[in-house]
């Protein structure tokens, strides 16, 4: 019988309650997350400034984004490079 918050499964009584997903949500947490965009924009600006000054430490295992931009520019200037990569 589901109406009385009890469920019987193979003659065993199991108590249950409906989970309200919105009950744990507090309005102040939502407002704080809305302000996150300005914080992320500030961090991105700091990273770009450090990148321009070559002071940003990156992993040595992966190529830098600057190298990727250079490769894209070279391919745009010389489309033959794309053909060489596919062979």
Protein backbone atom coordinates (compact mmCIF):
# COMPACT_ATOMS: atom_id res chain seq x y z
CA UNK A 1 0.00 0.00 0.00
CA UNK A 2 1.76 3.16 -1.18
CA UNK A 3 -0.62 5.72 0.34
CA UNK A 4 0.50 5.17 3.96
CA UNK A 5 4.26 5.56 3.22
CA UNK A 6 4.85 1.84 3.54
CA UNK A 7 5.79 -0.52 0.79
CA UNK A 8 5.44 -4.26 1.21
CA UNK A 9 7.85 -6.41 -0.72
CA UNK A 10 7.67 -10.17 -0.21
CA UNK A 11 5.85 -9.72 3.13
CA UNK A 12 8.51 -7.26 4.37
CA UNK A 13 7.50 -3.74 5.23
CA UNK A 14 9.71 -1.00 3.78
CA UNK A 15 9.15 2.59 4.89
CA UNK A 16 9.66 5.25 2.25
CA UNK A 17 9.33 8.96 1.71
CA UNK A 18 9.24 11.02 -1.45
CA UNK A 19 12.49 12.91 -1.98
CA UNK A 20 11.99 16.61 -2.59
CA UNK A 21 14.92 17.77 -4.71
CA UNK A 22 14.24 21.44 -4.10
CA UNK A 23 14.09 21.22 -0.31
CA UNK A 24 17.90 21.39 0.11
CA UNK A 25 18.31 24.39 -2.20
CA UNK A 26 19.00 27.70 -0.47
CA UNK A 27 18.48 30.97 -2.30
CA UNK A 28 21.77 32.53 -1.13
CA UNK A 29 23.75 29.72 -2.80
CA UNK A 30 22.07 30.46 -6.14
CA UNK A 31 22.85 34.17 -5.88
CA UNK A 32 26.51 33.47 -5.09
CA UNK A 33 26.83 31.25 -8.15
CA UNK A 34 25.38 34.00 -10.35
CA UNK A 35 28.31 36.21 -9.34
CA UNK A 36 30.80 33.55 -10.34
CA UNK A 37 30.99 34.84 -13.92
CA UNK A 38 32.74 38.06 -12.93
CA UNK A 39 35.25 36.12 -10.82
CA UNK A 40 36.03 33.77 -13.72
CA UNK A 41 36.43 36.74 -16.08
CA UNK A 42 38.93 38.32 -13.67
CA UNK A 43 40.92 35.08 -13.45
CA UNK A 44 40.96 34.76 -17.23
CA UNK A 45 42.26 38.33 -17.52
CA UNK A 46 45.07 37.55 -15.05
CA UNK A 47 46.02 34.43 -17.02
CA UNK A 48 46.13 36.39 -20.27
CA UNK A 49 48.37 39.04 -18.68
CA UNK A 50 50.75 36.39 -17.38
CA UNK A 51 50.69 34.68 -20.77
CA UNK A 52 51.74 37.92 -22.49
CA UNK A 53 54.59 38.37 -20.01
CA UNK A 54 55.63 34.71 -20.45
CA UNK A 55 55.34 34.22 -16.69
CA UNK A 56 52.58 31.63 -16.71
CA UNK A 57 53.87 28.16 -15.92
CA UNK A 58 52.44 25.42 -18.08
CA UNK A 59 52.93 21.72 -18.16
CA UNK A 60 56.03 20.78 -20.12
CA UNK A 61 54.33 17.63 -21.40
CA UNK A 62 51.83 19.47 -23.58
CA UNK A 63 52.46 22.08 -26.29
CA UNK A 64 51.44 25.62 -25.48
CA UNK A 65 48.38 27.26 -26.98
CA UNK A 66 50.70 29.73 -28.68
CA UNK A 67 52.25 26.86 -30.62
CA UNK A 68 48.78 25.72 -31.65
CA UNK A 69 47.88 29.21 -32.89
CA UNK A 70 51.12 29.37 -34.87
CA UNK A 71 50.42 25.99 -36.47
CA UNK A 72 46.92 27.08 -37.47
CA UNK A 73 48.28 30.28 -39.02
CA UNK A 74 50.89 28.30 -40.96
CA UNK A 75 48.23 25.94 -42.29
CA UNK A 76 46.09 28.88 -43.38
CA UNK A 77 49.05 30.33 -45.27
CA UNK A 78 50.08 27.01 -46.81
CA UNK A 79 47.27 24.44 -47.24
CA UNK A 80 49.81 21.89 -48.49
CA UNK A 81 50.77 21.29 -44.84
CA UNK A 82 47.34 19.75 -44.23
CA UNK A 83 47.91 17.34 -47.11
CA UNK A 84 51.28 16.29 -45.70
CA UNK A 85 49.71 15.58 -42.29
CA UNK A 86 47.03 13.34 -43.83
CA UNK A 87 49.54 11.19 -45.75
